[in-house]
Amino acid sequence: MADAALAPERVAARWAEVQERLAAALARTGRTDSVTVVAVTKGHPPAAVDAALALGLRDIGENRVQELEAKVAVAGRDRATWHLLGPLQRNKIRRALPLVDRFHALDSLRIAESLSTAAEMQGRRLPVLVEVNCSGEATKHGFRPDETLQVLARLVEFPGLAIEGLMTMAPWTDHEPTLRATFRCLRRLRDAAAARWPQVHHLSMGMSNDYPIAVEEGSTIVRLGTALFGERPT
């Protein structure tokens, strides 16, 4: 089942549908910029990475350091731009850094300090997105919206980090007003942040169930797994 789901023609058909829906969402709001698609291979075998790369999808995302290590080992470090999408524990920072091109889920000043120090030791500034809990759900990670700008004022000073934008996860629902409220929360915060720190410009929001709405609300990065690769193997 998993191999059939990752057959090149099936992934290509899903990718064509994603492109159509992205174009339509951009057109509905009159946007003329582009949206980066991160192909999320979480839970899928390494063949998912190959399928994405074959279609020209260079941005690959994983939620856990262990799985990222395994995918990079098979696919090759230089064949993709690798995104770490899930929370990062301090004891895994040194393992993760050589593998990661952008970290989407910075949710702690303590992690930020350790990550910045480790990045400096490796002679780099790590591109980072700051996670905000715009839905207010207890199960979600991220800073509170009302503290985000104050936190950003500290984060932009860390020498090993390049703060490029904000990230959020919407509730798992098809209730459009709830989704839009979540995405608008992040966009308003990004707009306020960018007025002070122009480098804070990205909005990483939108997944397989809600990405057209996220794009309509201003997303610049969407994170798609099921929409490209089908359901994860159980």
Protein backbone atom coordinates (compact mmCIF):
# COMPACT_ATOMS: atom_id res chain seq x y z
CA MET A 1 0.00 0.00 0.00
CA ALA A 2 2.70 2.46 0.95
CA ASP A 3 4.72 1.72 -2.19
CA ALA A 4 1.62 2.17 -4.38
CA ALA A 5 0.86 5.50 -2.73
CA LEU A 6 4.37 6.68 -3.59
CA ALA A 7 4.26 5.56 -7.21
CA PRO A 8 5.69 8.41 -9.32
CA GLU A 9 2.48 8.92 -11.30
CA ARG A 10 0.37 9.17 -8.14
CA VAL A 11 2.69 11.65 -6.45
CA ALA A 12 2.88 13.65 -9.69
CA ALA A 13 -0.92 13.78 -9.90
CA ARG A 14 -1.18 15.02 -6.32
CA TRP A 15 1.52 17.61 -6.94
CA ALA A 16 -0.37 18.86 -10.02
CA GLU A 17 -3.51 19.25 -7.90
CA VAL A 18 -1.55 21.11 -5.19
CA GLN A 19 -0.13 23.49 -7.78
CA GLU A 20 -3.61 24.19 -9.16
CA ARG A 21 -5.04 24.88 -5.72
CA LEU A 22 -2.10 27.11 -4.79
CA ALA A 23 -2.46 29.11 -8.00
CA ALA A 24 -6.19 29.51 -7.43
CA ALA A 25 -5.68 30.68 -3.83
CA LEU A 26 -3.07 33.22 -4.91
CA ALA A 27 -5.33 34.46 -7.71
CA ARG A 28 -8.32 34.87 -5.38
CA THR A 29 -6.36 37.34 -3.26
CA GLY A 30 -4.45 39.00 -6.08
CA ARG A 31 -1.08 37.87 -4.79
CA THR A 32 1.77 37.85 -7.29
CA ASP A 33 4.44 36.30 -5.07
CA SER A 34 5.17 32.61 -4.70
CA VAL A 35 4.66 30.10 -1.91
CA THR A 36 7.32 27.61 -0.82
CA VAL A 37 6.03 24.05 -0.51
CA VAL A 38 7.81 21.94 2.10
CA ALA A 39 7.21 18.28 1.29
CA VAL A 40 6.70 16.61 4.67
CA THR A 41 7.97 13.03 4.53
CA LYS A 42 7.25 12.27 8.19
CA GLY A 43 6.20 8.64 8.60
CA HIS A 44 6.94 7.78 4.98
CA PRO A 45 9.88 5.73 3.71
CA PRO A 46 12.88 7.40 2.04
CA ALA A 47 11.21 6.76 -1.32
CA ALA A 48 8.99 9.76 -0.53
CA VAL A 49 12.04 12.02 -0.63
CA ASP A 50 13.07 10.61 -3.99
CA ALA A 51 9.54 11.10 -5.33
CA ALA A 52 9.52 14.73 -4.24
CA LEU A 53 12.96 15.47 -5.63
CA ALA A 54 12.02 13.88 -8.96
CA LEU A 55 9.22 16.45 -9.29
CA GLY A 56 11.51 19.37 -8.50
CA LEU A 57 10.36 19.73 -4.90
CA ARG A 58 13.63 20.55 -3.18
CA ASP A 59 12.31 21.54 0.27
CA ILE A 60 11.90 18.46 2.48
CA GLY A 61 10.53 18.55 6.02
CA GLU A 62 10.75 16.19 8.97
CA ASN A 63 9.33 16.51 12.47
CA ARG A 64 11.88 14.50 14.43
CA VAL A 65 15.66 14.54 14.46
CA GLN A 66 15.95 10.75 14.28
CA GLU A 67 13.84 10.53 11.15
CA LEU A 68 15.63 13.50 9.61
CA GLU A 69 18.96 11.73 10.17
CA ALA A 70 17.68 8.61 8.47
CA LYS A 71 16.29 10.46 5.44
CA VAL A 72 19.41 12.59 4.97
CA ALA A 73 21.61 9.48 5.21
CA VAL A 74 19.69 7.86 2.35
CA ALA A 75 18.91 10.86 0.15
CA GLY A 76 22.10 12.89 0.67
CA ARG A 77 22.64 16.14 2.53
CA ASP A 78 23.12 18.30 -0.55
CA ARG A 79 20.21 17.04 -2.61
CA ALA A 80 17.57 18.97 -0.68
CA THR A 81 16.89 21.92 1.56
CA TRP A 82 16.07 20.24 4.85
CA HIS A 83 13.50 21.68 7.25
CA LEU A 84 13.04 20.56 10.87
CA LEU A 85 9.37 21.17 11.64
CA GLY A 86 8.89 19.79 15.14
CA PRO A 87 10.11 20.82 18.59
CA LEU A 88 13.80 20.44 19.31
CA GLN A 89 15.21 19.17 22.59
CA ARG A 90 18.44 20.64 23.90
CA ASN A 91 20.19 17.26 23.94
CA LYS A 92 19.58 16.85 20.21
CA ILE A 93 20.74 20.28 19.04
CA ARG A 94 24.27 19.21 18.09
CA ARG A 95 22.92 16.24 16.15
CA ALA A 96 20.34 18.32 14.32
CA LEU A 97 22.38 21.36 13.33
CA PRO A 98 24.54 19.81 10.58
CA LEU A 99 21.39 18.44 8.94
CA VAL A 100 19.05 21.43 9.08
CA ASP A 101 18.73 24.37 6.69
CA ARG A 102 15.74 25.94 8.46
CA PHE A 103 14.13 25.28 11.84
CA HIS A 104 10.39 26.02 11.95
CA ALA A 105 9.47 25.46 15.59
CA LEU A 106 11.47 27.67 17.94
CA ASP A 107 9.26 27.82 21.03
CA SER A 108 11.62 28.51 23.94
CA LEU A 109 14.18 31.14 24.85
CA ARG A 110 16.22 28.44 26.54
CA ILE A 111 16.36 26.42 23.31
CA ALA A 112 17.14 29.60 21.38
CA GLU A 113 20.16 30.32 23.56
CA SER A 114 21.52 26.79 23.24
CA LEU A 115 20.82 26.68 19.51
CA SER A 116 22.52 30.03 18.92
CA THR A 117 25.60 28.99 20.87
CA ALA A 118 25.88 25.69 19.00
CA ALA A 119 25.37 27.39 15.63
CA GLU A 120 28.09 29.94 16.42
CA MET A 121 30.46 27.12 17.30
CA GLN A 122 29.79 25.66 13.87
CA GLY A 123 30.38 29.03 12.23
CA ARG A 124 26.85 29.63 10.99
CA ARG A 125 23.62 31.51 11.56
CA LEU A 126 20.68 29.12 11.46
CA PRO A 127 17.53 30.35 9.69
CA VAL A 128 14.70 30.04 12.21
CA LEU A 129 10.94 30.56 12.39
CA VAL A 130 9.36 31.30 15.75
CA GLU A 131 6.36 29.17 16.68
CA VAL A 132 3.27 30.95 17.99
CA ASN A 133 0.27 29.22 19.54
CA CYS A 134 -2.41 31.25 17.79
CA SER A 135 -5.13 28.67 18.41
CA GLY A 136 -4.68 28.72 22.18
CA GLU A 137 -4.88 24.93 22.33
CA ALA A 138 -3.11 23.37 25.32
CA THR A 139 -1.74 20.61 23.08
CA LYS A 140 0.04 23.07 20.79
CA HIS A 141 3.59 24.36 21.23
CA GLY A 142 4.60 27.96 20.78
CA PHE A 143 4.72 31.37 22.39
CA ARG A 144 1.50 33.16 23.28
CA PRO A 145 0.48 35.83 20.77
CA ASP A 146 0.57 38.51 23.47
CA GLU A 147 4.21 37.79 24.30
CA THR A 148 5.53 37.20 20.79
CA LEU A 149 6.80 40.69 19.97
CA GLN A 150 8.57 40.96 23.32
CA VAL A 151 10.16 37.55 22.73
CA LEU A 152 11.21 38.52 19.21
CA ALA A 153 13.00 41.57 20.58
CA ARG A 154 15.26 39.16 22.45
CA LEU A 155 15.54 36.50 19.76
CA VAL A 156 16.78 38.86 17.04
CA GLU A 157 19.80 39.57 19.23
CA PHE A 158 21.02 35.96 19.30
CA PRO A 159 24.09 35.93 17.00
CA GLY A 160 23.73 32.32 15.88
CA LEU A 161 20.12 32.68 14.75
CA ALA A 162 18.60 34.37 11.71
CA ILE A 163 14.96 34.98 12.65
CA GLU A 164 13.10 34.86 9.35
CA GLY A 165 9.46 34.70 10.34
CA LEU A 166 6.71 33.02 12.32
CA MET A 167 5.04 29.60 12.29
CA THR A 168 1.75 28.27 13.62
CA MET A 169 -0.40 25.15 13.51
CA ALA A 170 -4.14 25.61 13.14
CA PRO A 171 -6.68 23.38 14.89
CA TRP A 172 -7.54 20.17 13.04
CA THR A 173 -10.94 21.30 11.79
CA ASP A 174 -12.79 22.14 8.60
CA HIS A 175 -14.46 25.13 10.31
CA GLU A 176 -13.24 27.91 8.05
CA PRO A 177 -13.80 30.87 10.45
CA THR A 178 -11.62 29.11 13.07
CA LEU A 179 -8.87 28.46 10.55
CA ARG A 180 -8.94 32.01 9.24
CA ALA A 181 -8.85 33.47 12.75
CA THR A 182 -5.75 31.40 13.54
CA PHE A 183 -3.95 32.41 10.35
CA ARG A 184 -4.91 36.08 10.70
CA CYS A 185 -3.51 36.08 14.23
CA LEU A 186 -0.12 35.05 12.88
CA ARG A 187 -0.26 37.45 9.95
CA ARG A 188 -1.02 40.40 12.22
CA LEU A 189 1.90 39.47 14.45
CA ARG A 190 4.19 39.10 11.44
CA ASP A 191 3.13 42.48 10.09
CA ALA A 192 3.84 44.13 13.43
CA ALA A 193 7.18 42.34 13.72
CA ALA A 194 8.25 43.15 10.15
CA ALA A 195 7.63 46.84 10.80
CA ARG A 196 10.42 46.66 13.41
CA TRP A 197 12.55 43.84 11.98
CA PRO A 198 12.11 43.56 8.19
CA GLN A 199 13.91 40.22 8.12
CA VAL A 200 10.96 38.67 10.01
CA HIS A 201 8.85 38.23 6.89
CA HIS A 202 7.90 34.56 6.44
CA LEU A 203 4.60 32.99 7.50
CA SER A 204 4.86 29.21 7.79
CA MET A 205 1.24 28.17 8.08
CA GLY A 206 -1.01 25.75 6.26
CA MET A 207 -0.98 21.97 6.01
CA SER A 208 -2.66 19.41 3.78
CA ASN A 209 -6.18 20.05 5.12
CA ASP A 210 -6.12 23.85 5.12
CA TYR A 211 -3.32 25.22 2.91
CA PRO A 212 -5.52 27.10 0.38
CA ILE A 213 -7.06 29.09 3.23
CA ALA A 214 -3.62 29.73 4.72
CA VAL A 215 -2.37 31.05 1.38
CA GLU A 216 -5.39 33.33 1.11
CA GLU A 217 -4.44 34.67 4.54
CA GLY A 218 -0.85 35.37 3.51
CA SER A 219 1.17 32.19 4.06
CA THR A 220 4.56 32.14 2.36
CA ILE A 221 5.43 28.54 3.36
CA VAL A 222 3.05 25.56 3.46
CA ARG A 223 3.91 22.17 4.91
CA LEU A 224 2.32 19.33 2.94
CA GLY A 225 2.52 15.61 3.62
CA THR A 226 -0.75 13.80 2.91
CA ALA A 227 -1.59 16.12 0.01
CA LEU A 228 1.55 14.89 -1.76
CA PHE A 229 2.19 11.37 -0.50
CA GLY A 230 -1.19 10.09 0.68
CA GLU A 231 -1.92 8.81 4.15
CA ARG A 232 1.07 7.76 6.22
CA PRO A 233 1.56 4.01 6.63
CA THR A 234 0.16 2.72 9.91
